[in-house]
Amino acid sequence: MGVGDYVYTNSSCSSPLGSANYGINFNNSSSPDKVITIGAGGLITSVFSCSDRKYKKNIKLIGVSESGINIYSFEYIDDVMKKGVYQGVMADEVPSASIEFNNDLFVDYSKVDVEFKRIS
């Protein structure tokens, strides 16, 4: 499921999901780990990843992108979300690529020149 895909409320694909932001929980945690923005006709227009500082620990600045965005390594506090060490950004530092959903910050990584990835 990604940008350009369509989502529906039924298995026959006859009723598109209404336009809004929707939280998706892939990891059985108490907070969604993705937020998708649905546009007209059920079209996914954006996918945001949970990038709120309050869910991270061992945060270390490891570089700066070409556009000047800080790049960090970190672990998630709750191993249910994701295990390991990751590279990414802090959502509060990239407001033009972030949204707030249920009091958590999410980043659309397609709008920043930093790759979110597991590094160990």
PDB file of N, CA and C in Angstrom:
ATOM      1  N   MET A   1       0.843  -1.170   0.000  1.00  0.00           N
ATOM      2  CA  MET A   1       0.000   0.000   0.000  1.00  0.00           C
ATOM      3  C   MET A   1       0.886   1.228   0.000  1.00  0.00           C
ATOM      4  N   GLY A   2       0.706   2.086  -1.002  1.00  0.00           N
ATOM      5  CA  GLY A   2       1.528   3.283  -1.086  1.00  0.00           C
ATOM      6  C   GLY A   2       0.857   4.365  -1.910  1.00  0.00           C
ATOM      7  N   VAL A   3       1.568   5.460  -2.079  1.00  0.00           N
ATOM      8  CA  VAL A   3       1.056   6.592  -2.845  1.00  0.00           C
ATOM      9  C   VAL A   3       0.676   6.114  -4.246  1.00  0.00           C
ATOM     10  N   GLY A   4      -0.515   6.511  -4.683  1.00  0.00           N
ATOM     11  CA  GLY A   4      -1.010   6.115  -5.992  1.00  0.00           C
ATOM     12  C   GLY A   4      -1.926   4.907  -5.975  1.00  0.00           C
ATOM     13  N   ASP A   5      -1.941   4.196  -4.847  1.00  0.00           N
ATOM     14  CA  ASP A   5      -2.858   3.061  -4.698  1.00  0.00           C
ATOM     15  C   ASP A   5      -4.232   3.570  -4.256  1.00  0.00           C
ATOM     16  N   TYR A   6      -5.237   2.747  -4.446  1.00  0.00           N
ATOM     17  CA  TYR A   6      -6.590   3.063  -4.014  1.00  0.00           C
ATOM     18  C   TYR A   6      -6.977   2.147  -2.864  1.00  0.00           C
ATOM     19  N   VAL A   7      -7.771   2.671  -1.937  1.00  0.00           N
ATOM     20  CA  VAL A   7      -8.259   1.866  -0.817  1.00  0.00           C
ATOM     21  C   VAL A   7      -9.778   1.937  -0.778  1.00  0.00           C
ATOM     22  N   TYR A   8     -10.358   0.820  -0.364  1.00  0.00           N
ATOM     23  CA  TYR A   8     -11.807   0.680  -0.390  1.00  0.00           C
ATOM     24  C   TYR A   8     -12.313   0.175   0.949  1.00  0.00           C
ATOM     25  N   THR A   9     -13.599   0.362   1.189  1.00  0.00           N
ATOM     26  CA  THR A   9     -14.214  -0.095   2.434  1.00  0.00           C
ATOM     27  C   THR A   9     -14.761  -1.504   2.326  1.00  0.00           C
ATOM     28  N   ASN A  10     -14.682  -2.080   1.119  1.00  0.00           N
ATOM     29  CA  ASN A  10     -15.204  -3.440   0.943  1.00  0.00           C
ATOM     30  C   ASN A  10     -14.321  -4.232  -0.008  1.00  0.00           C
ATOM     31  N   SER A  11     -14.490  -5.541  -0.007  1.00  0.00           N
ATOM     32  CA  SER A  11     -13.632  -6.407  -0.818  1.00  0.00           C
ATOM     33  C   SER A  11     -13.965  -6.374  -2.304  1.00  0.00           C
ATOM     34  N   SER A  12     -15.133  -5.866  -2.680  1.00  0.00           N
ATOM     35  CA  SER A  12     -15.479  -5.793  -4.100  1.00  0.00           C
ATOM     36  C   SER A  12     -14.964  -4.508  -4.755  1.00  0.00           C
ATOM     37  N   CYS A  13     -14.278  -3.667  -3.975  1.00  0.00           N
ATOM     38  CA  CYS A  13     -13.672  -2.421  -4.478  1.00  0.00           C
ATOM     39  C   CYS A  13     -14.699  -1.487  -5.115  1.00  0.00           C
ATOM     40  N   SER A  14     -15.896  -1.469  -4.557  1.00  0.00           N
ATOM     41  CA  SER A  14     -16.934  -0.608  -5.108  1.00  0.00           C
ATOM     42  C   SER A  14     -17.200   0.623  -4.241  1.00  0.00           C
ATOM     43  N   SER A  15     -16.587   0.689  -3.058  1.00  0.00           N
ATOM     44  CA  SER A  15     -16.832   1.807  -2.148  1.00  0.00           C
ATOM     45  C   SER A  15     -15.496   2.364  -1.640  1.00  0.00           C
ATOM     46  N   PRO A  16     -15.001   3.460  -2.267  1.00  0.00           N
ATOM     47  CA  PRO A  16     -13.712   4.009  -1.851  1.00  0.00           C
ATOM     48  C   PRO A  16     -13.768   4.622  -0.452  1.00  0.00           C
ATOM     49  N   LEU A  17     -12.654   4.536   0.234  1.00  0.00           N
ATOM     50  CA  LEU A  17     -12.519   5.151   1.554  1.00  0.00           C
ATOM     51  C   LEU A  17     -12.619   6.660   1.402  1.00  0.00           C
ATOM     52  N   GLY A  18     -13.267   7.336   2.348  1.00  0.00           N
ATOM     53  CA  GLY A  18     -13.456   8.776   2.288  1.00  0.00           C
ATOM     54  C   GLY A  18     -12.161   9.549   2.501  1.00  0.00           C
ATOM     55  N   SER A  19     -12.127  10.783   2.002  1.00  0.00           N
ATOM     56  CA  SER A  19     -10.952  11.649   2.116  1.00  0.00           C
ATOM     57  C   SER A  19     -10.692  12.025   3.566  1.00  0.00           C
ATOM     58  N   ALA A  20      -9.489  11.707   4.067  1.00  0.00           N
ATOM     59  CA  ALA A  20      -9.090  12.022   5.449  1.00  0.00           C
ATOM     60  C   ALA A  20      -7.710  11.433   5.702  1.00  0.00           C
ATOM     61  N   ASN A  21      -7.197  11.637   6.920  1.00  0.00           N
ATOM     62  CA  ASN A  21      -5.986  10.962   7.388  1.00  0.00           C
ATOM     63  C   ASN A  21      -6.411   9.758   8.209  1.00  0.00           C
ATOM     64  N   TYR A  22      -5.754   8.610   7.973  1.00  0.00           N
ATOM     65  CA  TYR A  22      -6.070   7.383   8.692  1.00  0.00           C
ATOM     66  C   TYR A  22      -4.808   6.805   9.316  1.00  0.00           C
ATOM     67  N   GLY A  23      -4.883   6.447  10.588  1.00  0.00           N
ATOM     68  CA  GLY A  23      -3.774   5.789  11.261  1.00  0.00           C
ATOM     69  C   GLY A  23      -3.815   4.299  11.009  1.00  0.00           C
ATOM     70  N   ILE A  24      -2.639   3.712  10.769  1.00  0.00           N
ATOM     71  CA  ILE A  24      -2.529   2.273  10.524  1.00  0.00           C
ATOM     72  C   ILE A  24      -1.520   1.705  11.508  1.00  0.00           C
ATOM     73  N   ASN A  25      -1.894   0.620  12.138  1.00  0.00           N
ATOM     74  CA  ASN A  25      -1.025  -0.016  13.124  1.00  0.00           C
ATOM     75  C   ASN A  25      -0.604  -1.378  12.591  1.00  0.00           C
ATOM     76  N   PHE A  26       0.653  -1.486  12.174  1.00  0.00           N
ATOM     77  CA  PHE A  26       1.185  -2.747  11.663  1.00  0.00           C
ATOM     78  C   PHE A  26       1.851  -3.579  12.748  1.00  0.00           C
ATOM     79  N   ASN A  27       2.178  -2.968  13.895  1.00  0.00           N
ATOM     80  CA  ASN A  27       3.033  -3.625  14.878  1.00  0.00           C
ATOM     81  C   ASN A  27       2.374  -3.875  16.232  1.00  0.00           C
ATOM     82  N   ASN A  28       1.065  -3.812  16.310  1.00  0.00           N
ATOM     83  CA  ASN A  28       0.330  -4.087  17.548  1.00  0.00           C
ATOM     84  C   ASN A  28       0.734  -3.203  18.712  1.00  0.00           C
ATOM     85  N   SER A  29       1.226  -1.990  18.440  1.00  0.00           N
ATOM     86  CA  SER A  29       1.538  -1.047  19.515  1.00  0.00           C
ATOM     87  C   SER A  29       0.293  -0.207  19.789  1.00  0.00           C
ATOM     88  N   SER A  30       0.367   0.640  20.802  1.00  0.00           N
ATOM     89  CA  SER A  30      -0.799   1.439  21.185  1.00  0.00           C
ATOM     90  C   SER A  30      -1.010   2.640  20.274  1.00  0.00           C
ATOM     91  N   SER A  31      -0.042   2.978  19.457  1.00  0.00           N
ATOM     92  CA  SER A  31      -0.132   4.130  18.564  1.00  0.00           C
ATOM     93  C   SER A  31       0.099   3.664  17.133  1.00  0.00           C
ATOM     94  N   PRO A  32      -0.536   4.316  16.152  1.00  0.00           N
ATOM     95  CA  PRO A  32      -0.290   3.911  14.765  1.00  0.00           C
ATOM     96  C   PRO A  32       1.161   4.161  14.370  1.00  0.00           C
ATOM     97  N   ASP A  33       1.725   3.317  13.508  1.00  0.00           N
ATOM     98  CA  ASP A  33       3.085   3.544  13.040  1.00  0.00           C
ATOM     99  C   ASP A  33       3.112   4.170  11.646  1.00  0.00           C
ATOM    100  N   LYS A  34       1.970   4.249  10.995  1.00  0.00           N
ATOM    101  CA  LYS A  34       1.841   4.932   9.704  1.00  0.00           C
ATOM    102  C   LYS A  34       0.547   5.731   9.700  1.00  0.00           C
ATOM    103  N   VAL A  35       0.549   6.823   8.955  1.00  0.00           N
ATOM    104  CA  VAL A  35      -0.665   7.579   8.673  1.00  0.00           C
ATOM    105  C   VAL A  35      -0.726   7.732   7.166  1.00  0.00           C
ATOM    106  N   ILE A  36      -1.868   7.434   6.585  1.00  0.00           N
ATOM    107  CA  ILE A  36      -2.046   7.634   5.150  1.00  0.00           C
ATOM    108  C   ILE A  36      -3.075   8.734   4.939  1.00  0.00           C
ATOM    109  N   THR A  37      -2.826   9.553   3.922  1.00  0.00           N
ATOM    110  CA  THR A  37      -3.779  10.584   3.525  1.00  0.00           C
ATOM    111  C   THR A  37      -4.515  10.070   2.304  1.00  0.00           C
ATOM    112  N   ILE A  38      -5.837  10.041   2.412  1.00  0.00           N
ATOM    113  CA  ILE A  38      -6.689   9.571   1.321  1.00  0.00           C
ATOM    114  C   ILE A  38      -7.350  10.775   0.669  1.00  0.00           C
ATOM    115  N   GLY A  39      -7.236  10.853  -0.642  1.00  0.00           N
ATOM    116  CA  GLY A  39      -7.868  11.915  -1.401  1.00  0.00           C
ATOM    117  C   GLY A  39      -9.139  11.418  -2.069  1.00  0.00           C
ATOM    118  N   ALA A  40      -9.589  12.167  -3.056  1.00  0.00           N
ATOM    119  CA  ALA A  40     -10.824  11.848  -3.765  1.00  0.00           C
ATOM    120  C   ALA A  40     -10.765  10.453  -4.377  1.00  0.00           C
ATOM    121  N   GLY A  41     -11.850   9.723  -4.278  1.00  0.00           N
ATOM    122  CA  GLY A  41     -11.959   8.405  -4.887  1.00  0.00           C
ATOM    123  C   GLY A  41     -11.167   7.321  -4.199  1.00  0.00           C
ATOM    124  N   GLY A  42     -10.680   7.590  -2.983  1.00  0.00           N
ATOM    125  CA  GLY A  42      -9.922   6.590  -2.245  1.00  0.00           C
ATOM    126  C   GLY A  42      -8.450   6.505  -2.606  1.00  0.00           C
ATOM    127  N   LEU A  43      -7.934   7.520  -3.324  1.00  0.00           N
ATOM    128  CA  LEU A  43      -6.535   7.538  -3.749  1.00  0.00           C
ATOM    129  C   LEU A  43      -5.615   7.919  -2.582  1.00  0.00           C
ATOM    130  N   ILE A  44      -4.581   7.087  -2.338  1.00  0.00           N
ATOM    131  CA  ILE A  44      -3.583   7.420  -1.318  1.00  0.00           C
ATOM    132  C   ILE A  44      -2.676   8.503  -1.891  1.00  0.00           C
ATOM    133  N   THR A  45      -2.645   9.660  -1.222  1.00  0.00           N
ATOM    134  CA  THR A  45      -1.845  10.782  -1.710  1.00  0.00           C
ATOM    135  C   THR A  45      -0.561  10.981  -0.911  1.00  0.00           C
ATOM    136  N   SER A  46      -0.502  10.489   0.333  1.00  0.00           N
ATOM    137  CA  SER A  46       0.704  10.594   1.160  1.00  0.00           C
ATOM    138  C   SER A  46       0.748   9.435   2.140  1.00  0.00           C
ATOM    139  N   VAL A  47       1.977   9.031   2.477  1.00  0.00           N
ATOM    140  CA  VAL A  47       2.185   8.031   3.520  1.00  0.00           C
ATOM    141  C   VAL A  47       3.199   8.613   4.497  1.00  0.00           C
ATOM    142  N   PHE A  48       2.818   8.690   5.761  1.00  0.00           N
ATOM    143  CA  PHE A  48       3.667   9.265   6.798  1.00  0.00           C
ATOM    144  C   PHE A  48       4.093   8.170   7.768  1.00  0.00           C
ATOM    145  N   SER A  49       5.365   8.209   8.203  1.00  0.00           N
ATOM    146  CA  SER A  49       5.904   7.252   9.172  1.00  0.00           C
ATOM    147  C   SER A  49       6.022   7.923  10.535  1.00  0.00           C
ATOM    148  N   CYS A  50       5.741   7.177  11.596  1.00  0.00           N
ATOM    149  CA  CYS A  50       5.865   7.712  12.942  1.00  0.00           C
ATOM    150  C   CYS A  50       7.312   8.127  13.172  1.00  0.00           C
ATOM    151  N   SER A  51       7.500   9.376  13.534  1.00  0.00           N
ATOM    152  CA  SER A  51       8.856   9.886  13.736  1.00  0.00           C
ATOM    153  C   SER A  51       8.894  10.837  14.919  1.00  0.00           C
ATOM    154  N   ASP A  52       8.056  10.576  15.895  1.00  0.00           N
ATOM    155  CA  ASP A  52       7.973  11.419  17.084  1.00  0.00           C
ATOM    156  C   ASP A  52       9.108  11.076  18.041  1.00  0.00           C
ATOM    157  N   ARG A  53       9.788  12.104  18.518  1.00  0.00           N
ATOM    158  CA  ARG A  53      10.899  11.942  19.448  1.00  0.00           C
ATOM    159  C   ARG A  53      10.534  11.123  20.679  1.00  0.00           C
ATOM    160  N   LYS A  54       9.288  11.248  21.132  1.00  0.00           N
ATOM    161  CA  LYS A  54       8.900  10.589  22.387  1.00  0.00           C
ATOM    162  C   LYS A  54       8.904   9.063  22.288  1.00  0.00           C
ATOM    163  N   TYR A  55       8.996   8.512  21.068  1.00  0.00           N
ATOM    164  CA  TYR A  55       9.047   7.063  20.886  1.00  0.00           C
ATOM    165  C   TYR A  55      10.462   6.557  20.614  1.00  0.00           C
ATOM    166  N   LYS A  56      11.461   7.444  20.730  1.00  0.00           N
ATOM    167  CA  LYS A  56      12.838   7.089  20.385  1.00  0.00           C
ATOM    168  C   LYS A  56      13.766   7.224  21.584  1.00  0.00           C
ATOM    169  N   LYS A  57      14.851   6.457  21.547  1.00  0.00           N
ATOM    170  CA  LYS A  57      15.881   6.535  22.587  1.00  0.00           C
ATOM    171  C   LYS A  57      17.246   6.431  21.915  1.00  0.00           C
ATOM    172  N   ASN A  58      18.295   6.711  22.682  1.00  0.00           N
ATOM    173  CA  ASN A  58      19.667   6.656  22.160  1.00  0.00           C
ATOM    174  C   ASN A  58      19.799   7.440  20.858  1.00  0.00           C
ATOM    175  N   ILE A  59      19.223   8.641  20.852  1.00  0.00           N
ATOM    176  CA  ILE A  59      19.227   9.504  19.667  1.00  0.00           C
ATOM    177  C   ILE A  59      20.603  10.154  19.529  1.00  0.00           C
ATOM    178  N   LYS A  60      21.219   9.964  18.343  1.00  0.00           N
ATOM    179  CA  LYS A  60      22.550  10.536  18.088  1.00  0.00           C
ATOM    180  C   LYS A  60      22.560  11.199  16.719  1.00  0.00           C
ATOM    181  N   LEU A  61      23.055  12.429  16.674  1.00  0.00           N
ATOM    182  CA  LEU A  61      23.222  13.123  15.396  1.00  0.00           C
ATOM    183  C   LEU A  61      24.383  12.454  14.652  1.00  0.00           C
ATOM    184  N   ILE A  62      24.116  11.964  13.431  1.00  0.00           N
ATOM    185  CA  ILE A  62      25.169  11.261  12.683  1.00  0.00           C
ATOM    186  C   ILE A  62      25.526  11.958  11.374  1.00  0.00           C
ATOM    187  N   GLY A  63      24.813  13.022  11.023  1.00  0.00           N
ATOM    188  CA  GLY A  63      25.125  13.728   9.786  1.00  0.00           C
ATOM    189  C   GLY A  63      24.098  14.783   9.467  1.00  0.00           C
ATOM    190  N   VAL A  64      24.320  15.431   8.333  1.00  0.00           N
ATOM    191  CA  VAL A  64      23.403  16.455   7.835  1.00  0.00           C
ATOM    192  C   VAL A  64      23.217  16.205   6.343  1.00  0.00           C
ATOM    193  N   SER A  65      21.968  16.249   5.873  1.00  0.00           N
ATOM    194  CA  SER A  65      21.685  16.005   4.457  1.00  0.00           C
ATOM    195  C   SER A  65      22.134  17.196   3.605  1.00  0.00           C
ATOM    196  N   GLU A  66      22.108  17.023   2.288  1.00  0.00           N
ATOM    197  CA  GLU A  66      22.492  18.102   1.371  1.00  0.00           C
ATOM    198  C   GLU A  66      21.634  19.345   1.553  1.00  0.00           C
ATOM    199  N   SER A  67      20.381  19.165   1.957  1.00  0.00           N
ATOM    200  CA  SER A  67      19.495  20.315   2.148  1.00  0.00           C
ATOM    201  C   SER A  67      19.555  20.877   3.568  1.00  0.00           C
ATOM    202  N   GLY A  68      20.406  20.290   4.423  1.00  0.00           N
ATOM    203  CA  GLY A  68      20.592  20.820   5.772  1.00  0.00           C
ATOM    204  C   GLY A  68      19.751  20.170   6.858  1.00  0.00           C
ATOM    205  N   ILE A  69      19.126  19.036   6.552  1.00  0.00           N
ATOM    206  CA  ILE A  69      18.305  18.330   7.541  1.00  0.00           C
ATOM    207  C   ILE A  69      19.200  17.421   8.381  1.00  0.00           C
ATOM    208  N   ASN A  70      19.050  17.501   9.700  1.00  0.00           N
ATOM    209  CA  ASN A  70      19.818  16.638  10.588  1.00  0.00           C
ATOM    210  C   ASN A  70      19.431  15.176  10.384  1.00  0.00           C
ATOM    211  N   ILE A  71      20.439  14.305  10.365  1.00  0.00           N
ATOM    212  CA  ILE A  71      20.234  12.860  10.232  1.00  0.00           C
ATOM    213  C   ILE A  71      20.649  12.225  11.547  1.00  0.00           C
ATOM    214  N   TYR A  72      19.776  11.379  12.084  1.00  0.00           N
ATOM    215  CA  TYR A  72      20.003  10.761  13.389  1.00  0.00           C
ATOM    216  C   TYR A  72      20.011   9.239  13.291  1.00  0.00           C
ATOM    217  N   SER A  73      20.708   8.627  14.240  1.00  0.00           N
ATOM    218  CA  SER A  73      20.518   7.202  14.510  1.00  0.00           C
ATOM    219  C   SER A  73      19.722   7.127  15.804  1.00  0.00           C
ATOM    220  N   PHE A  74      18.909   6.099  15.943  1.00  0.00           N
ATOM    221  CA  PHE A  74      18.070   5.962  17.136  1.00  0.00           C
ATOM    222  C   PHE A  74      17.507   4.557  17.214  1.00  0.00           C
ATOM    223  N   GLU A  75      16.972   4.244  18.372  1.00  0.00           N
ATOM    224  CA  GLU A  75      16.211   3.019  18.587  1.00  0.00           C
ATOM    225  C   GLU A  75      14.821   3.439  19.044  1.00  0.00           C
ATOM    226  N   TYR A  76      13.855   2.581  18.830  1.00  0.00           N
ATOM    227  CA  TYR A  76      12.515   2.842  19.356  1.00  0.00           C
ATOM    228  C   TYR A  76      12.447   2.367  20.796  1.00  0.00           C
ATOM    229  N   ILE A  77      11.795   3.126  21.647  1.00  0.00           N
ATOM    230  CA  ILE A  77      11.660   2.783  23.064  1.00  0.00           C
ATOM    231  C   ILE A  77      10.908   1.477  23.218  1.00  0.00           C
ATOM    232  N   ASP A  78       9.832   1.357  22.479  1.00  0.00           N
ATOM    233  CA  ASP A  78       8.988   0.162  22.533  1.00  0.00           C
ATOM    234  C   ASP A  78       9.407  -0.784  21.408  1.00  0.00           C
ATOM    235  N   ASP A  79      10.018  -1.906  21.751  1.00  0.00           N
ATOM    236  CA  ASP A  79      10.470  -2.855  20.733  1.00  0.00           C
ATOM    237  C   ASP A  79       9.330  -3.412  19.893  1.00  0.00           C
ATOM    238  N   VAL A  80       8.096  -3.227  20.332  1.00  0.00           N
ATOM    239  CA  VAL A  80       6.957  -3.696  19.545  1.00  0.00           C
ATOM    240  C   VAL A  80       6.884  -2.909  18.239  1.00  0.00           C
ATOM    241  N   MET A  81       7.269  -1.612  18.288  1.00  0.00           N
ATOM    242  CA  MET A  81       7.219  -0.798  17.065  1.00  0.00           C
ATOM    243  C   MET A  81       8.228  -1.309  16.051  1.00  0.00           C
ATOM    244  N   LYS A  82       9.498  -1.320  16.432  1.00  0.00           N
ATOM    245  CA  LYS A  82      10.554  -1.819  15.546  1.00  0.00           C
ATOM    246  C   LYS A  82      11.769  -2.113  16.406  1.00  0.00           C
ATOM    247  N   LYS A  83      12.455  -3.207  16.115  1.00  0.00           N
ATOM    248  CA  LYS A  83      13.681  -3.549  16.837  1.00  0.00           C
ATOM    249  C   LYS A  83      14.880  -3.143  15.999  1.00  0.00           C
ATOM    250  N   GLY A  84      15.965  -2.761  16.658  1.00  0.00           N
ATOM    251  CA  GLY A  84      17.204  -2.409  15.974  1.00  0.00           C
ATOM    252  C   GLY A  84      17.495  -0.927  16.044  1.00  0.00           C
ATOM    253  N   VAL A  85      18.558  -0.538  15.326  1.00  0.00           N
ATOM    254  CA  VAL A  85      18.978   0.859  15.242  1.00  0.00           C
ATOM    255  C   VAL A  85      18.605   1.374  13.857  1.00  0.00           C
ATOM    256  N   TYR A  86      18.024   2.562  13.818  1.00  0.00           N
ATOM    257  CA  TYR A  86      17.525   3.146  12.573  1.00  0.00           C
ATOM    258  C   TYR A  86      18.174   4.486  12.289  1.00  0.00           C
ATOM    259  N   GLN A  87      18.129   4.871  11.032  1.00  0.00           N
ATOM    260  CA  GLN A  87      18.546   6.199  10.588  1.00  0.00           C
ATOM    261  C   GLN A  87      17.297   6.936  10.132  1.00  0.00           C
ATOM    262  N   GLY A  88      17.196   8.211  10.493  1.00  0.00           N
ATOM    263  CA  GLY A  88      16.059   9.002  10.048  1.00  0.00           C
ATOM    264  C   GLY A  88      16.131  10.414  10.576  1.00  0.00           C
ATOM    265  N   VAL A  89      14.990  11.061  10.588  1.00  0.00           N
ATOM    266  CA  VAL A  89      14.890  12.454  11.035  1.00  0.00           C
ATOM    267  C   VAL A  89      14.009  12.531  12.279  1.00  0.00           C
ATOM    268  N   MET A  90      13.985  13.701  12.880  1.00  0.00           N
ATOM    269  CA  MET A  90      13.052  13.994  13.961  1.00  0.00           C
ATOM    270  C   MET A  90      11.935  14.847  13.353  1.00  0.00           C
ATOM    271  N   ALA A  91      10.716  14.401  13.500  1.00  0.00           N
ATOM    272  CA  ALA A  91       9.575  15.056  12.851  1.00  0.00           C
ATOM    273  C   ALA A  91       9.459  16.528  13.220  1.00  0.00           C
ATOM    274  N   ASP A  92       9.797  16.864  14.456  1.00  0.00           N
ATOM    275  CA  ASP A  92       9.659  18.267  14.882  1.00  0.00           C
ATOM    276  C   ASP A  92      10.657  19.183  14.170  1.00  0.00           C
ATOM    277  N   GLU A  93      11.691  18.617  13.537  1.00  0.00           N
ATOM    278  CA  GLU A  93      12.682  19.420  12.829  1.00  0.00           C
ATOM    279  C   GLU A  93      12.355  19.592  11.344  1.00  0.00           C
ATOM    280  N   VAL A  94      11.344  18.892  10.842  1.00  0.00           N
ATOM    281  CA  VAL A  94      10.951  19.008   9.431  1.00  0.00           C
ATOM    282  C   VAL A  94       9.439  19.249   9.327  1.00  0.00           C
ATOM    283  N   PRO A  95       8.967  20.404   9.823  1.00  0.00           N
ATOM    284  CA  PRO A  95       7.517  20.657   9.834  1.00  0.00           C
ATOM    285  C   PRO A  95       6.867  20.660   8.451  1.00  0.00           C
ATOM    286  N   SER A  96       7.635  20.979   7.404  1.00  0.00           N
ATOM    287  CA  SER A  96       7.044  21.000   6.056  1.00  0.00           C
ATOM    288  C   SER A  96       6.761  19.592   5.530  1.00  0.00           C
ATOM    289  N   ALA A  97       7.343  18.573   6.172  1.00  0.00           N
ATOM    290  CA  ALA A  97       7.133  17.189   5.746  1.00  0.00           C
ATOM    291  C   ALA A  97       6.422  16.372   6.815  1.00  0.00           C
ATOM    292  N   SER A  98       5.864  17.050   7.830  1.00  0.00           N
ATOM    293  CA  SER A  98       5.275  16.352   8.978  1.00  0.00           C
ATOM    294  C   SER A  98       3.805  16.708   9.170  1.00  0.00           C
ATOM    295  N   ILE A  99       3.105  15.766   9.812  1.00  0.00           N
ATOM    296  CA  ILE A  99       1.740  16.035  10.268  1.00  0.00           C
ATOM    297  C   ILE A  99       1.610  15.527  11.700  1.00  0.00           C
ATOM    298  N   GLU A 100       0.623  16.072  12.396  1.00  0.00           N
ATOM    299  CA  GLU A 100       0.292  15.567  13.727  1.00  0.00           C
ATOM    300  C   GLU A 100      -0.980  14.745  13.614  1.00  0.00           C
ATOM    301  N   PHE A 101      -0.969  13.581  14.226  1.00  0.00           N
ATOM    302  CA  PHE A 101      -2.127  12.689  14.213  1.00  0.00           C
ATOM    303  C   PHE A 101      -2.223  12.063  15.590  1.00  0.00           C
ATOM    304  N   ASN A 102      -3.336  12.249  16.275  1.00  0.00           N
ATOM    305  CA  ASN A 102      -3.534  11.718  17.638  1.00  0.00           C
ATOM    306  C   ASN A 102      -2.395  12.103  18.576  1.00  0.00           C
ATOM    307  N   ASN A 103      -1.954  13.358  18.501  1.00  0.00           N
ATOM    308  CA  ASN A 103      -0.883  13.899  19.358  1.00  0.00           C
ATOM    309  C   ASN A 103       0.488  13.293  19.093  1.00  0.00           C
ATOM    310  N   ASP A 104       0.685  12.621  17.971  1.00  0.00           N
ATOM    311  CA  ASP A 104       1.983  12.088  17.570  1.00  0.00           C
ATOM    312  C   ASP A 104       2.393  12.730  16.247  1.00  0.00           C
ATOM    313  N   LEU A 105       3.707  12.862  16.028  1.00  0.00           N
ATOM    314  CA  LEU A 105       4.218  13.445  14.794  1.00  0.00           C
ATOM    315  C   LEU A 105       4.673  12.359  13.827  1.00  0.00           C
ATOM    316  N   PHE A 106       4.335  12.546  12.560  1.00  0.00           N
ATOM    317  CA  PHE A 106       4.644  11.607  11.486  1.00  0.00           C
ATOM    318  C   PHE A 106       5.324  12.362  10.347  1.00  0.00           C
ATOM    319  N   VAL A 107       6.254  11.695   9.641  1.00  0.00           N
ATOM    320  CA  VAL A 107       7.009  12.305   8.542  1.00  0.00           C
ATOM    321  C   VAL A 107       6.706  11.594   7.231  1.00  0.00           C
ATOM    322  N   ASP A 108       6.553  12.393   6.168  1.00  0.00           N
ATOM    323  CA  ASP A 108       6.481  11.865   4.813  1.00  0.00           C
ATOM    324  C   ASP A 108       7.913  11.887   4.270  1.00  0.00           C
ATOM    325  N   TYR A 109       8.587  10.737   4.302  1.00  0.00           N
ATOM    326  CA  TYR A 109       9.991  10.675   3.904  1.00  0.00           C
ATOM    327  C   TYR A 109      10.208  10.980   2.425  1.00  0.00           C
ATOM    328  N   SER A 110       9.154  10.966   1.617  1.00  0.00           N
ATOM    329  CA  SER A 110       9.318  11.326   0.206  1.00  0.00           C
ATOM    330  C   SER A 110       9.543  12.832   0.045  1.00  0.00           C
ATOM    331  N   LYS A 111       9.344  13.589   1.110  1.00  0.00           N
ATOM    332  CA  LYS A 111       9.503  15.051   1.051  1.00  0.00           C
ATOM    333  C   LYS A 111      10.810  15.529   1.674  1.00  0.00           C
ATOM    334  N   VAL A 112      11.665  14.608   2.119  1.00  0.00           N
ATOM    335  CA  VAL A 112      12.962  14.984   2.680  1.00  0.00           C
ATOM    336  C   VAL A 112      14.059  14.184   1.978  1.00  0.00           C
ATOM    337  N   ASP A 113      15.278  14.712   2.001  1.00  0.00           N
ATOM    338  CA  ASP A 113      16.389  14.012   1.346  1.00  0.00           C
ATOM    339  C   ASP A 113      17.182  13.169   2.346  1.00  0.00           C
ATOM    340  N   VAL A 114      16.437  12.497   3.220  1.00  0.00           N
ATOM    341  CA  VAL A 114      17.012  11.565   4.187  1.00  0.00           C
ATOM    342  C   VAL A 114      16.252  10.257   4.058  1.00  0.00           C
ATOM    343  N   GLU A 115      16.990   9.165   3.976  1.00  0.00           N
ATOM    344  CA  GLU A 115      16.363   7.853   3.885  1.00  0.00           C
ATOM    345  C   GLU A 115      16.127   7.295   5.276  1.00  0.00           C
ATOM    346  N   PHE A 116      14.912   6.812   5.511  1.00  0.00           N
ATOM    347  CA  PHE A 116      14.639   6.071   6.745  1.00  0.00           C
ATOM    348  C   PHE A 116      15.034   4.635   6.488  1.00  0.00           C
ATOM    349  N   LYS A 117      15.944   4.115   7.338  1.00  0.00           N
ATOM    350  CA  LYS A 117      16.361   2.730   7.127  1.00  0.00           C
ATOM    351  C   LYS A 117      16.925   2.148   8.420  1.00  0.00           C
ATOM    352  N   ARG A 118      16.892   0.837   8.506  1.00  0.00           N
ATOM    353  CA  ARG A 118      17.517   0.127   9.613  1.00  0.00           C
ATOM    354  C   ARG A 118      19.010   0.048   9.321  1.00  0.00           C
ATOM    355  N   ILE A 119      19.834   0.422  10.315  1.00  0.00           N
ATOM    356  CA  ILE A 119      21.285   0.399  10.107  1.00  0.00           C
ATOM    357  C   ILE A 119      21.975  -0.678  10.943  1.00  0.00           C
ATOM    358  N   SER A 120      21.283  -1.288  11.891  1.00  0.00           N
ATOM    359  CA  SER A 120      21.828  -2.459  12.597  1.00  0.00           C
ATOM    360  C   SER A 120      20.751  -3.127  13.420  1.00  0.00           C
TER     361      SER A 120
END
